[in-house]
């Protein structure tokens, strides 16, 4: 059974991922979806959706 993430923890995680993605893909529009809990392996499920102008 994993640890339930608080909204603050989820926001912090999403912000961290967004900054890292932004650094790697300047100008991209980045959406980060963070899972609700930390799994047994200590990892949080994170899904990144990135839209760059070259994709359009």
PDB file of N, CA and C in Angstrom:
ATOM      1  N   UNK A   1       0.846  -1.197   0.000  1.00  0.00           N
ATOM      2  CA  UNK A   1       0.000   0.000   0.000  1.00  0.00           C
ATOM      3  C   UNK A   1       0.882   1.248   0.000  1.00  0.00           C
ATOM      4  N   UNK A   2       0.651   2.145  -0.935  1.00  0.00           N
ATOM      5  CA  UNK A   2       1.482   3.334  -1.052  1.00  0.00           C
ATOM      6  C   UNK A   2       1.044   4.466  -0.135  1.00  0.00           C
ATOM      7  N   UNK A   3       1.812   5.526  -0.175  1.00  0.00           N
ATOM      8  CA  UNK A   3       1.524   6.729   0.608  1.00  0.00           C
ATOM      9  C   UNK A   3       0.693   7.689  -0.239  1.00  0.00           C
ATOM     10  N   UNK A   4      -0.436   8.119   0.291  1.00  0.00           N
ATOM     11  CA  UNK A   4      -1.314   9.062  -0.426  1.00  0.00           C
ATOM     12  C   UNK A   4      -0.649  10.440  -0.488  1.00  0.00           C
ATOM     13  N   UNK A   5      -0.604  11.005  -1.671  1.00  0.00           N
ATOM     14  CA  UNK A   5       0.006  12.329  -1.837  1.00  0.00           C
ATOM     15  C   UNK A   5      -0.980  13.436  -1.508  1.00  0.00           C
ATOM     16  N   UNK A   6      -0.495  14.458  -0.815  1.00  0.00           N
ATOM     17  CA  UNK A   6      -1.335  15.626  -0.541  1.00  0.00           C
ATOM     18  C   UNK A   6      -1.337  16.493  -1.804  1.00  0.00           C
ATOM     19  N   UNK A   7      -2.329  17.372  -1.948  1.00  0.00           N
ATOM     20  CA  UNK A   7      -2.344  18.268  -3.109  1.00  0.00           C
ATOM     21  C   UNK A   7      -1.048  19.077  -3.225  1.00  0.00           C
ATOM     22  N   UNK A   8      -0.491  19.485  -2.085  1.00  0.00           N
ATOM     23  CA  UNK A   8       0.770  20.240  -2.100  1.00  0.00           C
ATOM     24  C   UNK A   8       1.912  19.412  -2.665  1.00  0.00           C
ATOM     25  N   UNK A   9       1.990  18.164  -2.241  1.00  0.00           N
ATOM     26  CA  UNK A   9       3.040  17.271  -2.738  1.00  0.00           C
ATOM     27  C   UNK A   9       2.895  17.063  -4.252  1.00  0.00           C
ATOM     28  N   UNK A  10       1.654  16.899  -4.692  1.00  0.00           N
ATOM     29  CA  UNK A  10       1.404  16.711  -6.121  1.00  0.00           C
ATOM     30  C   UNK A  10       1.818  17.940  -6.915  1.00  0.00           C
ATOM     31  N   UNK A  11       1.477  19.127  -6.406  1.00  0.00           N
ATOM     32  CA  UNK A  11       1.843  20.376  -7.079  1.00  0.00           C
ATOM     33  C   UNK A  11       3.351  20.557  -7.143  1.00  0.00           C
ATOM     34  N   UNK A  12       4.016  20.241  -6.036  1.00  0.00           N
ATOM     35  CA  UNK A  12       5.470  20.361  -5.958  1.00  0.00           C
ATOM     36  C   UNK A  12       6.121  19.457  -7.004  1.00  0.00           C
ATOM     37  N   UNK A  13       5.646  18.242  -7.073  1.00  0.00           N
ATOM     38  CA  UNK A  13       6.167  17.265  -8.021  1.00  0.00           C
ATOM     39  C   UNK A  13       5.934  17.740  -9.456  1.00  0.00           C
ATOM     40  N   UNK A  14       4.727  18.191  -9.747  1.00  0.00           N
ATOM     41  CA  UNK A  14       4.386  18.657 -11.094  1.00  0.00           C
ATOM     42  C   UNK A  14       5.248  19.860 -11.482  1.00  0.00           C
ATOM     43  N   UNK A  15       5.462  20.758 -10.536  1.00  0.00           N
ATOM     44  CA  UNK A  15       6.259  21.960 -10.792  1.00  0.00           C
ATOM     45  C   UNK A  15       7.705  21.586 -11.117  1.00  0.00           C
ATOM     46  N   UNK A  16       8.239  20.659 -10.353  1.00  0.00           N
ATOM     47  CA  UNK A  16       9.616  20.189 -10.551  1.00  0.00           C
ATOM     48  C   UNK A  16       9.786  19.561 -11.938  1.00  0.00           C
ATOM     49  N   UNK A  17       8.834  18.713 -12.314  1.00  0.00           N
ATOM     50  CA  UNK A  17       8.889  18.057 -13.619  1.00  0.00           C
ATOM     51  C   UNK A  17       8.730  19.094 -14.732  1.00  0.00           C
ATOM     52  N   UNK A  18       7.805  20.036 -14.535  1.00  0.00           N
ATOM     53  CA  UNK A  18       7.559  21.059 -15.549  1.00  0.00           C
ATOM     54  C   UNK A  18       8.819  21.892 -15.798  1.00  0.00           C
ATOM     55  N   UNK A  19       9.508  22.271 -14.722  1.00  0.00           N
ATOM     56  CA  UNK A  19      10.736  23.056 -14.868  1.00  0.00           C
ATOM     57  C   UNK A  19      11.800  22.284 -15.631  1.00  0.00           C
ATOM     58  N   UNK A  20      11.949  21.005 -15.300  1.00  0.00           N
ATOM     59  CA  UNK A  20      12.950  20.173 -15.975  1.00  0.00           C
ATOM     60  C   UNK A  20      12.621  20.028 -17.461  1.00  0.00           C
ATOM     61  N   UNK A  21      11.349  19.804 -17.766  1.00  0.00           N
ATOM     62  CA  UNK A  21      10.906  19.669 -19.161  1.00  0.00           C
ATOM     63  C   UNK A  21      11.100  20.980 -19.918  1.00  0.00           C
ATOM     64  N   UNK A  22      10.782  22.085 -19.264  1.00  0.00           N
ATOM     65  CA  UNK A  22      10.889  23.403 -19.884  1.00  0.00           C
ATOM     66  C   UNK A  22      12.347  23.700 -20.233  1.00  0.00           C
ATOM     67  N   UNK A  23      13.254  23.302 -19.361  1.00  0.00           N
ATOM     68  CA  UNK A  23      14.680  23.524 -19.603  1.00  0.00           C
ATOM     69  C   UNK A  23      15.140  22.730 -20.832  1.00  0.00           C
ATOM     70  N   UNK A  24      14.592  21.525 -20.966  1.00  0.00           N
ATOM     71  CA  UNK A  24      14.984  20.672 -22.084  1.00  0.00           C
ATOM     72  C   UNK A  24      14.270  21.039 -23.383  1.00  0.00           C
ATOM     73  N   UNK A  25      13.048  21.544 -23.256  1.00  0.00           N
ATOM     74  CA  UNK A  25      12.245  21.875 -24.437  1.00  0.00           C
ATOM     75  C   UNK A  25      11.697  23.294 -24.297  1.00  0.00           C
ATOM     76  N   UNK A  26      12.556  24.298 -24.494  1.00  0.00           N
ATOM     77  CA  UNK A  26      12.108  25.687 -24.322  1.00  0.00           C
ATOM     78  C   UNK A  26      10.946  25.995 -25.263  1.00  0.00           C
ATOM     79  N   UNK A  27       9.974  26.709 -24.750  1.00  0.00           N
ATOM     80  CA  UNK A  27       8.844  27.103 -25.584  1.00  0.00           C
ATOM     81  C   UNK A  27       7.764  26.046 -25.717  1.00  0.00           C
ATOM     82  N   UNK A  28       7.994  24.864 -25.152  1.00  0.00           N
ATOM     83  CA  UNK A  28       6.978  23.812 -25.231  1.00  0.00           C
ATOM     84  C   UNK A  28       5.872  24.086 -24.224  1.00  0.00           C
ATOM     85  N   UNK A  29       4.677  23.636 -24.556  1.00  0.00           N
ATOM     86  CA  UNK A  29       3.570  23.694 -23.603  1.00  0.00           C
ATOM     87  C   UNK A  29       3.562  22.350 -22.895  1.00  0.00           C
ATOM     88  N   UNK A  30       3.665  22.385 -21.581  1.00  0.00           N
ATOM     89  CA  UNK A  30       3.839  21.150 -20.828  1.00  0.00           C
ATOM     90  C   UNK A  30       2.728  20.953 -19.806  1.00  0.00           C
ATOM     91  N   UNK A  31       2.076  19.801 -19.879  1.00  0.00           N
ATOM     92  CA  UNK A  31       1.085  19.431 -18.877  1.00  0.00           C
ATOM     93  C   UNK A  31       1.654  18.252 -18.098  1.00  0.00           C
ATOM     94  N   UNK A  32       1.568  18.334 -16.792  1.00  0.00           N
ATOM     95  CA  UNK A  32       2.077  17.250 -15.958  1.00  0.00           C
ATOM     96  C   UNK A  32       0.939  16.712 -15.105  1.00  0.00           C
ATOM     97  N   UNK A  33       0.687  15.420 -15.221  1.00  0.00           N
ATOM     98  CA  UNK A  33      -0.333  14.772 -14.403  1.00  0.00           C
ATOM     99  C   UNK A  33       0.384  13.886 -13.395  1.00  0.00           C
ATOM    100  N   UNK A  34       0.133  14.129 -12.130  1.00  0.00           N
ATOM    101  CA  UNK A  34       0.799  13.372 -11.076  1.00  0.00           C
ATOM    102  C   UNK A  34      -0.200  12.417 -10.441  1.00  0.00           C
ATOM    103  N   UNK A  35       0.216  11.170 -10.241  1.00  0.00           N
ATOM    104  CA  UNK A  35      -0.651  10.168  -9.622  1.00  0.00           C
ATOM    105  C   UNK A  35      -0.996  10.527  -8.187  1.00  0.00           C
ATOM    106  N   UNK A  36      -1.953   9.809  -7.629  1.00  0.00           N
ATOM    107  CA  UNK A  36      -2.431  10.123  -6.288  1.00  0.00           C
ATOM    108  C   UNK A  36      -1.592   9.543  -5.158  1.00  0.00           C
ATOM    109  N   UNK A  37      -0.741   8.600  -5.472  1.00  0.00           N
ATOM    110  CA  UNK A  37       0.051   8.039  -4.382  1.00  0.00           C
ATOM    111  C   UNK A  37       1.410   7.546  -4.831  1.00  0.00           C
ATOM    112  N   UNK A  38       2.281   7.390  -3.842  1.00  0.00           N
ATOM    113  CA  UNK A  38       3.609   6.840  -4.076  1.00  0.00           C
ATOM    114  C   UNK A  38       3.467   5.332  -3.988  1.00  0.00           C
ATOM    115  N   UNK A  39       3.937   4.621  -5.007  1.00  0.00           N
ATOM    116  CA  UNK A  39       3.824   3.166  -5.027  1.00  0.00           C
ATOM    117  C   UNK A  39       4.765   2.485  -4.056  1.00  0.00           C
ATOM    118  N   UNK A  40       4.657   1.167  -3.994  1.00  0.00           N
ATOM    119  CA  UNK A  40       5.494   0.375  -3.091  1.00  0.00           C
ATOM    120  C   UNK A  40       6.978   0.522  -3.426  1.00  0.00           C
ATOM    121  N   UNK A  41       7.264   0.845  -4.690  1.00  0.00           N
ATOM    122  CA  UNK A  41       8.661   1.011  -5.101  1.00  0.00           C
ATOM    123  C   UNK A  41       9.181   2.415  -4.784  1.00  0.00           C
ATOM    124  N   UNK A  42       8.351   3.237  -4.132  1.00  0.00           N
ATOM    125  CA  UNK A  42       8.776   4.583  -3.757  1.00  0.00           C
ATOM    126  C   UNK A  42       8.677   5.589  -4.886  1.00  0.00           C
ATOM    127  N   UNK A  43       8.080   5.188  -6.003  1.00  0.00           N
ATOM    128  CA  UNK A  43       7.965   6.086  -7.153  1.00  0.00           C
ATOM    129  C   UNK A  43       6.553   6.624  -7.300  1.00  0.00           C
ATOM    130  N   UNK A  44       6.483   7.851  -7.791  1.00  0.00           N
ATOM    131  CA  UNK A  44       5.194   8.482  -8.067  1.00  0.00           C
ATOM    132  C   UNK A  44       4.920   8.318  -9.556  1.00  0.00           C
ATOM    133  N   UNK A  45       3.685   8.001  -9.905  1.00  0.00           N
ATOM    134  CA  UNK A  45       3.317   7.920 -11.319  1.00  0.00           C
ATOM    135  C   UNK A  45       3.169   9.346 -11.853  1.00  0.00           C
ATOM    136  N   UNK A  46       3.945   9.673 -12.879  1.00  0.00           N
ATOM    137  CA  UNK A  46       3.884  10.999 -13.477  1.00  0.00           C
ATOM    138  C   UNK A  46       3.729  10.844 -14.981  1.00  0.00           C
ATOM    139  N   UNK A  47       2.816  11.580 -15.546  1.00  0.00           N
ATOM    140  CA  UNK A  47       2.634  11.558 -16.999  1.00  0.00           C
ATOM    141  C   UNK A  47       2.863  12.970 -17.532  1.00  0.00           C
ATOM    142  N   UNK A  48       3.732  13.089 -18.512  1.00  0.00           N
ATOM    143  CA  UNK A  48       4.051  14.393 -19.080  1.00  0.00           C
ATOM    144  C   UNK A  48       3.509  14.464 -20.493  1.00  0.00           C
ATOM    145  N   UNK A  49       2.753  15.526 -20.780  1.00  0.00           N
ATOM    146  CA  UNK A  49       2.271  15.755 -22.134  1.00  0.00           C
ATOM    147  C   UNK A  49       2.945  17.032 -22.617  1.00  0.00           C
ATOM    148  N   UNK A  50       3.713  16.901 -23.683  1.00  0.00           N
ATOM    149  CA  UNK A  50       4.496  18.021 -24.167  1.00  0.00           C
ATOM    150  C   UNK A  50       4.062  18.367 -25.588  1.00  0.00           C
ATOM    151  N   UNK A  51       3.764  19.632 -25.836  1.00  0.00           N
ATOM    152  CA  UNK A  51       3.433  20.076 -27.183  1.00  0.00           C
ATOM    153  C   UNK A  51       4.438  21.136 -27.600  1.00  0.00           C
ATOM    154  N   UNK A  52       5.223  20.843 -28.615  1.00  0.00           N
ATOM    155  CA  UNK A  52       6.154  21.849 -29.124  1.00  0.00           C
ATOM    156  C   UNK A  52       5.611  22.359 -30.447  1.00  0.00           C
ATOM    157  N   UNK A  53       6.080  23.492 -30.877  1.00  0.00           N
ATOM    158  CA  UNK A  53       5.570  24.077 -32.113  1.00  0.00           C
ATOM    159  C   UNK A  53       5.883  23.206 -33.315  1.00  0.00           C
ATOM    160  N   UNK A  54       6.989  22.470 -33.240  1.00  0.00           N
ATOM    161  CA  UNK A  54       7.353  21.602 -34.366  1.00  0.00           C
ATOM    162  C   UNK A  54       6.383  20.421 -34.514  1.00  0.00           C
ATOM    163  N   UNK A  55       5.654  20.108 -33.418  1.00  0.00           N
ATOM    164  CA  UNK A  55       4.670  19.015 -33.466  1.00  0.00           C
ATOM    165  C   UNK A  55       3.378  19.437 -34.176  1.00  0.00           C
ATOM    166  N   UNK A  56       3.156  20.730 -34.253  1.00  0.00           N
ATOM    167  CA  UNK A  56       1.879  21.209 -34.798  1.00  0.00           C
ATOM    168  C   UNK A  56       1.850  21.187 -36.319  1.00  0.00           C
TER     169      UNK A  56
END
